[in-house]
Amino acid sequence: MRHKNLFVCRGFVYTIILPAMLMFSCFASAPKDQPMKPNTCRIVTFQDEKENQVMASVSISNNEELAAITLPFSYGNGDTPIRCDSIKFDKTRVEYFELKFPRIDTVKQTILLGLLPDLSGRKPPLKKGDGEVARIYFTLKKGAKFQDFFLDTTLIRPFNRLKFVTPEVKGIYPAFDNKKAMIRGGIPKKPQVEGEAKTEEKKEEKSSKKEN
């Protein structure tokens, strides 16, 4: 009976949280070409190559109070030998949030974190500040060699992108810093030539336009 009740509760939370996150995404305005700092999301990785373990610390800096946070990440290219084991929020800035929604896609190797204080307004929004909001734990397949890569942000359908939302339902699109988020697989990352970089940018722009 206890397991049955737990299943029902989880189903209820998933039913409520998804529409709420979609609502915030729909109301927020489209991103504009303007300076985003000090609103920033940062990822720093800590890798133990002997144990094949990786921990990614996710931090955000926000200069306005936040009532919702959407953090979509990619942790591979779909076939990289890495597994996401767990996501923890204890002792972080959002530990008191009642609704912490982590969704892991092991096929596409993406993670979507949806964070809300609550749906009733009893919990206060996240205060202005800077600090850790999540820790993501990975395991690498032993002996596997793959090209070094950086954890990155991504667009997860239908329209989940890196976004902060204020209590006034104002959308903020923060800067993303992953300069210290490399995962080493034994094969150095190939330098991207200028032509390839422009091609990738065009692909991302087309994909974003299609989603909108």
C-alpha atoms as a PDB file:
ATOM      1  CA  MET A   1       0.000   0.000   0.000  1.00  0.00           C
ATOM      2  CA  ARG A   2       2.875   2.336   0.798  1.00  0.00           C
ATOM      3  CA  HIS A   3       4.412   1.789  -2.639  1.00  0.00           C
ATOM      4  CA  LYS A   4       1.043   2.356  -4.294  1.00  0.00           C
ATOM      5  CA  ASN A   5       0.586   5.678  -2.477  1.00  0.00           C
ATOM      6  CA  LEU A   6       4.120   6.732  -3.423  1.00  0.00           C
ATOM      7  CA  PHE A   7       3.392   5.986  -7.074  1.00  0.00           C
ATOM      8  CA  VAL A   8       0.177   8.028  -6.966  1.00  0.00           C
ATOM      9  CA  CYS A   9       1.970  10.987  -5.333  1.00  0.00           C
ATOM     10  CA  ARG A  10       4.716  10.950  -7.933  1.00  0.00           C
ATOM     11  CA  GLY A  11       2.156  10.818 -10.709  1.00  0.00           C
ATOM     12  CA  PHE A  12       0.372  13.816  -9.218  1.00  0.00           C
ATOM     13  CA  VAL A  13       3.596  15.848  -8.973  1.00  0.00           C
ATOM     14  CA  TYR A  14       4.526  15.048 -12.583  1.00  0.00           C
ATOM     15  CA  THR A  15       1.022  16.036 -13.698  1.00  0.00           C
ATOM     16  CA  ILE A  16       1.268  19.393 -11.913  1.00  0.00           C
ATOM     17  CA  ILE A  17       4.905  20.335 -12.531  1.00  0.00           C
ATOM     18  CA  LEU A  18       4.946  19.875 -16.295  1.00  0.00           C
ATOM     19  CA  PRO A  19       2.050  22.265 -17.034  1.00  0.00           C
ATOM     20  CA  ALA A  20       3.543  24.761 -14.588  1.00  0.00           C
ATOM     21  CA  MET A  21       6.918  24.747 -16.329  1.00  0.00           C
ATOM     22  CA  LEU A  22       5.235  25.060 -19.724  1.00  0.00           C
ATOM     23  CA  MET A  23       3.175  27.985 -18.445  1.00  0.00           C
ATOM     24  CA  PHE A  24       6.273  29.882 -17.348  1.00  0.00           C
ATOM     25  CA  SER A  25       7.940  29.122 -20.697  1.00  0.00           C
ATOM     26  CA  CYS A  26       4.969  30.410 -22.697  1.00  0.00           C
ATOM     27  CA  PHE A  27       4.574  33.635 -20.724  1.00  0.00           C
ATOM     28  CA  ALA A  28       8.246  34.618 -20.813  1.00  0.00           C
ATOM     29  CA  SER A  29       9.363  36.842 -23.657  1.00  0.00           C
ATOM     30  CA  ALA A  30      11.738  35.672 -26.376  1.00  0.00           C
ATOM     31  CA  PRO A  31      15.493  36.157 -25.831  1.00  0.00           C
ATOM     32  CA  LYS A  32      16.965  39.442 -27.015  1.00  0.00           C
ATOM     33  CA  ASP A  33      20.462  40.460 -28.017  1.00  0.00           C
ATOM     34  CA  GLN A  34      21.408  42.239 -24.816  1.00  0.00           C
ATOM     35  CA  PRO A  35      23.926  41.742 -22.006  1.00  0.00           C
ATOM     36  CA  MET A  36      22.797  38.957 -19.679  1.00  0.00           C
ATOM     37  CA  LYS A  37      25.357  39.193 -16.883  1.00  0.00           C
ATOM     38  CA  PRO A  38      25.348  39.033 -13.926  1.00  0.00           C
ATOM     39  CA  ASN A  39      22.581  36.510 -14.632  1.00  0.00           C
ATOM     40  CA  THR A  40      24.693  33.447 -15.324  1.00  0.00           C
ATOM     41  CA  CYS A  41      24.628  29.662 -15.106  1.00  0.00           C
ATOM     42  CA  ARG A  42      27.966  27.949 -14.505  1.00  0.00           C
ATOM     43  CA  ILE A  43      29.030  24.309 -14.559  1.00  0.00           C
ATOM     44  CA  VAL A  44      32.291  23.068 -13.045  1.00  0.00           C
ATOM     45  CA  THR A  45      33.257  19.390 -13.245  1.00  0.00           C
ATOM     46  CA  PHE A  46      35.361  17.376 -10.807  1.00  0.00           C
ATOM     47  CA  GLN A  47      36.654  14.158 -12.353  1.00  0.00           C
ATOM     48  CA  ASP A  48      38.246  11.177 -10.621  1.00  0.00           C
ATOM     49  CA  GLU A  49      39.818   9.262 -13.490  1.00  0.00           C
ATOM     50  CA  LYS A  50      40.920   6.368 -11.271  1.00  0.00           C
ATOM     51  CA  GLU A  51      37.363   5.725 -10.117  1.00  0.00           C
ATOM     52  CA  ASN A  52      35.763   6.770 -13.430  1.00  0.00           C
ATOM     53  CA  GLN A  53      33.521   9.184 -11.536  1.00  0.00           C
ATOM     54  CA  VAL A  54      32.498  12.746 -12.461  1.00  0.00           C
ATOM     55  CA  MET A  55      30.625  15.298 -10.373  1.00  0.00           C
ATOM     56  CA  ALA A  56      29.247  18.434 -12.025  1.00  0.00           C
ATOM     57  CA  SER A  57      28.482  21.412  -9.802  1.00  0.00           C
ATOM     58  CA  VAL A  58      25.775  23.688 -11.233  1.00  0.00           C
ATOM     59  CA  SER A  59      25.664  27.264  -9.937  1.00  0.00           C
ATOM     60  CA  ILE A  60      23.619  30.295 -10.885  1.00  0.00           C
ATOM     61  CA  SER A  61      24.046  34.006 -10.338  1.00  0.00           C
ATOM     62  CA  ASN A  62      20.826  36.050 -10.400  1.00  0.00           C
ATOM     63  CA  ASN A  63      20.293  39.773  -9.900  1.00  0.00           C
ATOM     64  CA  GLU A  64      16.508  39.405  -9.526  1.00  0.00           C
ATOM     65  CA  GLU A  65      14.369  37.129  -7.387  1.00  0.00           C
ATOM     66  CA  LEU A  66      13.364  33.936  -9.177  1.00  0.00           C
ATOM     67  CA  ALA A  67      10.090  32.000  -9.057  1.00  0.00           C
ATOM     68  CA  ALA A  68      11.135  29.323 -11.561  1.00  0.00           C
ATOM     69  CA  ILE A  69      14.337  27.990 -13.097  1.00  0.00           C
ATOM     70  CA  THR A  70      14.768  25.785 -16.168  1.00  0.00           C
ATOM     71  CA  LEU A  71      18.198  24.203 -16.664  1.00  0.00           C
ATOM     72  CA  PRO A  72      18.591  21.931 -19.723  1.00  0.00           C
ATOM     73  CA  PHE A  73      21.964  20.232 -20.225  1.00  0.00           C
ATOM     74  CA  SER A  74      23.567  17.751 -22.608  1.00  0.00           C
ATOM     75  CA  TYR A  75      26.146  15.313 -21.253  1.00  0.00           C
ATOM     76  CA  GLY A  76      27.142  13.460 -24.423  1.00  0.00           C
ATOM     77  CA  ASN A  77      26.357  12.976 -28.082  1.00  0.00           C
ATOM     78  CA  GLY A  78      24.002  10.025 -27.609  1.00  0.00           C
ATOM     79  CA  ASP A  79      26.616   7.282 -27.665  1.00  0.00           C
ATOM     80  CA  THR A  80      29.297   8.557 -25.291  1.00  0.00           C
ATOM     81  CA  PRO A  81      30.038   5.881 -22.630  1.00  0.00           C
ATOM     82  CA  ILE A  82      28.805   7.942 -19.691  1.00  0.00           C
ATOM     83  CA  ARG A  83      25.900   7.349 -17.321  1.00  0.00           C
ATOM     84  CA  CYS A  84      24.076   9.898 -15.187  1.00  0.00           C
ATOM     85  CA  ASP A  85      23.693   8.277 -11.761  1.00  0.00           C
ATOM     86  CA  SER A  86      21.948  10.858  -9.623  1.00  0.00           C
ATOM     87  CA  ILE A  87      21.138  14.521  -9.071  1.00  0.00           C
ATOM     88  CA  LYS A  88      21.229  16.098  -5.616  1.00  0.00           C
ATOM     89  CA  PHE A  89      19.990  19.422  -4.284  1.00  0.00           C
ATOM     90  CA  ASP A  90      20.822  19.168  -0.578  1.00  0.00           C
ATOM     91  CA  LYS A  91      22.831  22.033   0.921  1.00  0.00           C
ATOM     92  CA  THR A  92      22.263  24.190  -2.173  1.00  0.00           C
ATOM     93  CA  ARG A  93      20.415  27.486  -2.725  1.00  0.00           C
ATOM     94  CA  VAL A  94      17.273  25.608  -3.816  1.00  0.00           C
ATOM     95  CA  GLU A  95      17.250  22.982  -1.083  1.00  0.00           C
ATOM     96  CA  TYR A  96      14.044  24.500   0.352  1.00  0.00           C
ATOM     97  CA  PHE A  97      12.212  24.328  -3.014  1.00  0.00           C
ATOM     98  CA  GLU A  98       9.267  21.920  -2.801  1.00  0.00           C
ATOM     99  CA  LEU A  99       9.275  21.122  -6.514  1.00  0.00           C
ATOM    100  CA  LYS A 100      12.591  19.946  -7.939  1.00  0.00           C
ATOM    101  CA  PHE A 101      11.945  18.123 -11.182  1.00  0.00           C
ATOM    102  CA  PRO A 102      14.949  16.289 -12.710  1.00  0.00           C
ATOM    103  CA  ARG A 103      14.371  14.483 -16.003  1.00  0.00           C
ATOM    104  CA  ILE A 104      17.172  12.357 -17.455  1.00  0.00           C
ATOM    105  CA  ASP A 105      17.095  11.143 -21.065  1.00  0.00           C
ATOM    106  CA  THR A 106      19.638   8.319 -21.288  1.00  0.00           C
ATOM    107  CA  VAL A 107      19.154   7.933 -25.061  1.00  0.00           C
ATOM    108  CA  LYS A 108      19.810  11.548 -26.073  1.00  0.00           C
ATOM    109  CA  GLN A 109      22.033  12.045 -23.002  1.00  0.00           C
ATOM    110  CA  THR A 110      20.293  15.177 -21.766  1.00  0.00           C
ATOM    111  CA  ILE A 111      19.140  16.419 -18.367  1.00  0.00           C
ATOM    112  CA  LEU A 112      16.293  18.828 -17.709  1.00  0.00           C
ATOM    113  CA  LEU A 113      16.056  20.443 -14.284  1.00  0.00           C
ATOM    114  CA  GLY A 114      12.835  22.281 -13.479  1.00  0.00           C
ATOM    115  CA  LEU A 115      12.898  24.156 -10.158  1.00  0.00           C
ATOM    116  CA  LEU A 116       9.961  25.873  -8.394  1.00  0.00           C
ATOM    117  CA  PRO A 117       9.647  26.977  -4.749  1.00  0.00           C
ATOM    118  CA  ASP A 118       6.043  25.666  -4.795  1.00  0.00           C
ATOM    119  CA  LEU A 119       2.760  26.180  -6.650  1.00  0.00           C
ATOM    120  CA  SER A 120       0.852  27.941  -3.881  1.00  0.00           C
ATOM    121  CA  GLY A 121       3.149  30.888  -3.183  1.00  0.00           C
ATOM    122  CA  ARG A 122       3.833  29.865   0.416  1.00  0.00           C
ATOM    123  CA  LYS A 123       7.540  29.436  -0.230  1.00  0.00           C
ATOM    124  CA  PRO A 124       9.520  32.616  -1.026  1.00  0.00           C
ATOM    125  CA  PRO A 125      11.221  33.032  -4.406  1.00  0.00           C
ATOM    126  CA  LEU A 126      14.953  32.519  -4.699  1.00  0.00           C
ATOM    127  CA  LYS A 127      16.701  35.630  -3.417  1.00  0.00           C
ATOM    128  CA  LYS A 128      19.258  37.556  -5.429  1.00  0.00           C
ATOM    129  CA  GLY A 129      22.633  35.924  -5.099  1.00  0.00           C
ATOM    130  CA  ASP A 130      25.200  33.474  -6.394  1.00  0.00           C
ATOM    131  CA  GLY A 131      25.827  29.849  -5.567  1.00  0.00           C
ATOM    132  CA  GLU A 132      25.273  26.165  -6.207  1.00  0.00           C
ATOM    133  CA  VAL A 133      21.807  24.851  -7.072  1.00  0.00           C
ATOM    134  CA  ALA A 134      22.513  21.228  -8.033  1.00  0.00           C
ATOM    135  CA  ARG A 135      25.130  18.497  -8.176  1.00  0.00           C
ATOM    136  CA  ILE A 136      25.030  15.926 -10.964  1.00  0.00           C
ATOM    137  CA  TYR A 137      26.882  12.620 -10.621  1.00  0.00           C
ATOM    138  CA  PHE A 138      28.127  10.536 -13.550  1.00  0.00           C
ATOM    139  CA  THR A 139      29.951   7.254 -14.064  1.00  0.00           C
ATOM    140  CA  LEU A 140      32.221   6.647 -17.043  1.00  0.00           C
ATOM    141  CA  LYS A 141      32.567   3.208 -18.573  1.00  0.00           C
ATOM    142  CA  LYS A 142      35.878   1.705 -17.494  1.00  0.00           C
ATOM    143  CA  GLY A 143      38.488   1.434 -20.215  1.00  0.00           C
ATOM    144  CA  ALA A 144      36.402   3.299 -22.779  1.00  0.00           C
ATOM    145  CA  LYS A 145      38.166   5.918 -24.880  1.00  0.00           C
ATOM    146  CA  PHE A 146      36.155   8.806 -26.269  1.00  0.00           C
ATOM    147  CA  GLN A 147      36.738  12.355 -27.358  1.00  0.00           C
ATOM    148  CA  ASP A 148      36.970  14.907 -24.557  1.00  0.00           C
ATOM    149  CA  PHE A 149      33.861  17.096 -24.410  1.00  0.00           C
ATOM    150  CA  PHE A 150      32.278  19.886 -22.411  1.00  0.00           C
ATOM    151  CA  LEU A 151      28.978  19.610 -20.587  1.00  0.00           C
ATOM    152  CA  ASP A 152      26.734  22.060 -22.381  1.00  0.00           C
ATOM    153  CA  THR A 153      23.324  23.664 -22.308  1.00  0.00           C
ATOM    154  CA  THR A 154      20.822  22.660 -24.968  1.00  0.00           C
ATOM    155  CA  LEU A 155      17.267  23.079 -26.213  1.00  0.00           C
ATOM    156  CA  ILE A 156      14.941  20.292 -25.073  1.00  0.00           C
ATOM    157  CA  ARG A 157      11.591  19.982 -26.797  1.00  0.00           C
ATOM    158  CA  PRO A 158       9.054  21.384 -26.803  1.00  0.00           C
ATOM    159  CA  PHE A 159      10.624  24.693 -25.707  1.00  0.00           C
ATOM    160  CA  ASN A 160      12.794  24.117 -22.662  1.00  0.00           C
ATOM    161  CA  ARG A 161      15.856  26.332 -22.791  1.00  0.00           C
ATOM    162  CA  LEU A 162      18.131  27.844 -20.156  1.00  0.00           C
ATOM    163  CA  LYS A 163      15.813  30.291 -18.412  1.00  0.00           C
ATOM    164  CA  PHE A 164      15.056  32.116 -15.180  1.00  0.00           C
ATOM    165  CA  VAL A 165      11.559  33.443 -14.422  1.00  0.00           C
ATOM    166  CA  THR A 166      10.810  36.209 -11.898  1.00  0.00           C
ATOM    167  CA  PRO A 167       7.695  36.370  -9.666  1.00  0.00           C
ATOM    168  CA  GLU A 168       6.327  38.915 -12.172  1.00  0.00           C
ATOM    169  CA  VAL A 169       6.650  36.214 -14.882  1.00  0.00           C
ATOM    170  CA  LYS A 170       9.513  38.033 -16.575  1.00  0.00           C
ATOM    171  CA  GLY A 171      11.745  35.705 -18.573  1.00  0.00           C
ATOM    172  CA  ILE A 172      15.514  36.017 -18.134  1.00  0.00           C
ATOM    173  CA  TYR A 173      17.913  34.188 -20.462  1.00  0.00           C
ATOM    174  CA  PRO A 174      21.200  33.973 -18.549  1.00  0.00           C
ATOM    175  CA  ALA A 175      24.720  33.656 -19.866  1.00  0.00           C
ATOM    176  CA  PHE A 176      26.206  30.163 -19.782  1.00  0.00           C
ATOM    177  CA  ASP A 177      29.726  29.423 -18.574  1.00  0.00           C
ATOM    178  CA  ASN A 178      31.111  25.901 -19.069  1.00  0.00           C
ATOM    179  CA  LYS A 179      34.809  26.742 -19.452  1.00  0.00           C
ATOM    180  CA  LYS A 180      35.518  24.433 -16.498  1.00  0.00           C
ATOM    181  CA  ALA A 181      33.070  21.690 -17.475  1.00  0.00           C
ATOM    182  CA  MET A 182      35.223  19.341 -19.553  1.00  0.00           C
ATOM    183  CA  ILE A 183      34.899  15.548 -19.222  1.00  0.00           C
ATOM    184  CA  ARG A 184      38.086  13.797 -20.257  1.00  0.00           C
ATOM    185  CA  GLY A 185      37.794  10.552 -22.197  1.00  0.00           C
ATOM    186  CA  GLY A 186      41.380  10.072 -23.265  1.00  0.00           C
ATOM    187  CA  ILE A 187      41.067  11.524 -26.765  1.00  0.00           C
ATOM    188  CA  PRO A 188      41.706  15.291 -26.924  1.00  0.00           C
ATOM    189  CA  LYS A 189      38.876  17.435 -28.237  1.00  0.00           C
ATOM    190  CA  LYS A 190      39.433  18.410 -31.859  1.00  0.00           C
ATOM    191  CA  PRO A 191      39.859  22.139 -32.383  1.00  0.00           C
ATOM    192  CA  GLN A 192      36.848  23.548 -34.249  1.00  0.00           C
ATOM    193  CA  VAL A 193      37.779  25.475 -37.372  1.00  0.00           C
ATOM    194  CA  GLU A 194      36.018  28.742 -38.125  1.00  0.00           C
ATOM    195  CA  GLY A 195      33.887  27.327 -40.958  1.00  0.00           C
ATOM    196  CA  GLU A 196      32.625  24.440 -38.814  1.00  0.00           C
ATOM    197  CA  ALA A 197      31.786  26.807 -35.973  1.00  0.00           C
ATOM    198  CA  LYS A 198      29.658  28.995 -38.264  1.00  0.00           C
ATOM    199  CA  THR A 199      27.890  25.921 -39.666  1.00  0.00           C
ATOM    200  CA  GLU A 200      27.031  24.740 -36.143  1.00  0.00           C
ATOM    201  CA  GLU A 201      25.724  28.204 -35.225  1.00  0.00           C
ATOM    202  CA  LYS A 202      23.452  28.233 -38.288  1.00  0.00           C
ATOM    203  CA  LYS A 203      22.106  24.769 -37.412  1.00  0.00           C
ATOM    204  CA  GLU A 204      21.308  25.900 -33.873  1.00  0.00           C
ATOM    205  CA  GLU A 205      19.575  29.055 -35.154  1.00  0.00           C
ATOM    206  CA  LYS A 206      17.411  27.036 -37.575  1.00  0.00           C
ATOM    207  CA  SER A 207      16.529  24.547 -34.857  1.00  0.00           C
ATOM    208  CA  SER A 208      15.568  27.355 -32.465  1.00  0.00           C
ATOM    209  CA  LYS A 209      13.361  29.028 -35.099  1.00  0.00           C
ATOM    210  CA  LYS A 210      11.567  25.747 -35.810  1.00  0.00           C
ATOM    211  CA  GLU A 211      10.858  25.221 -32.098  1.00  0.00           C
ATOM    212  CA  ASN A 212       9.430  28.730 -31.782  1.00  0.00           C
END
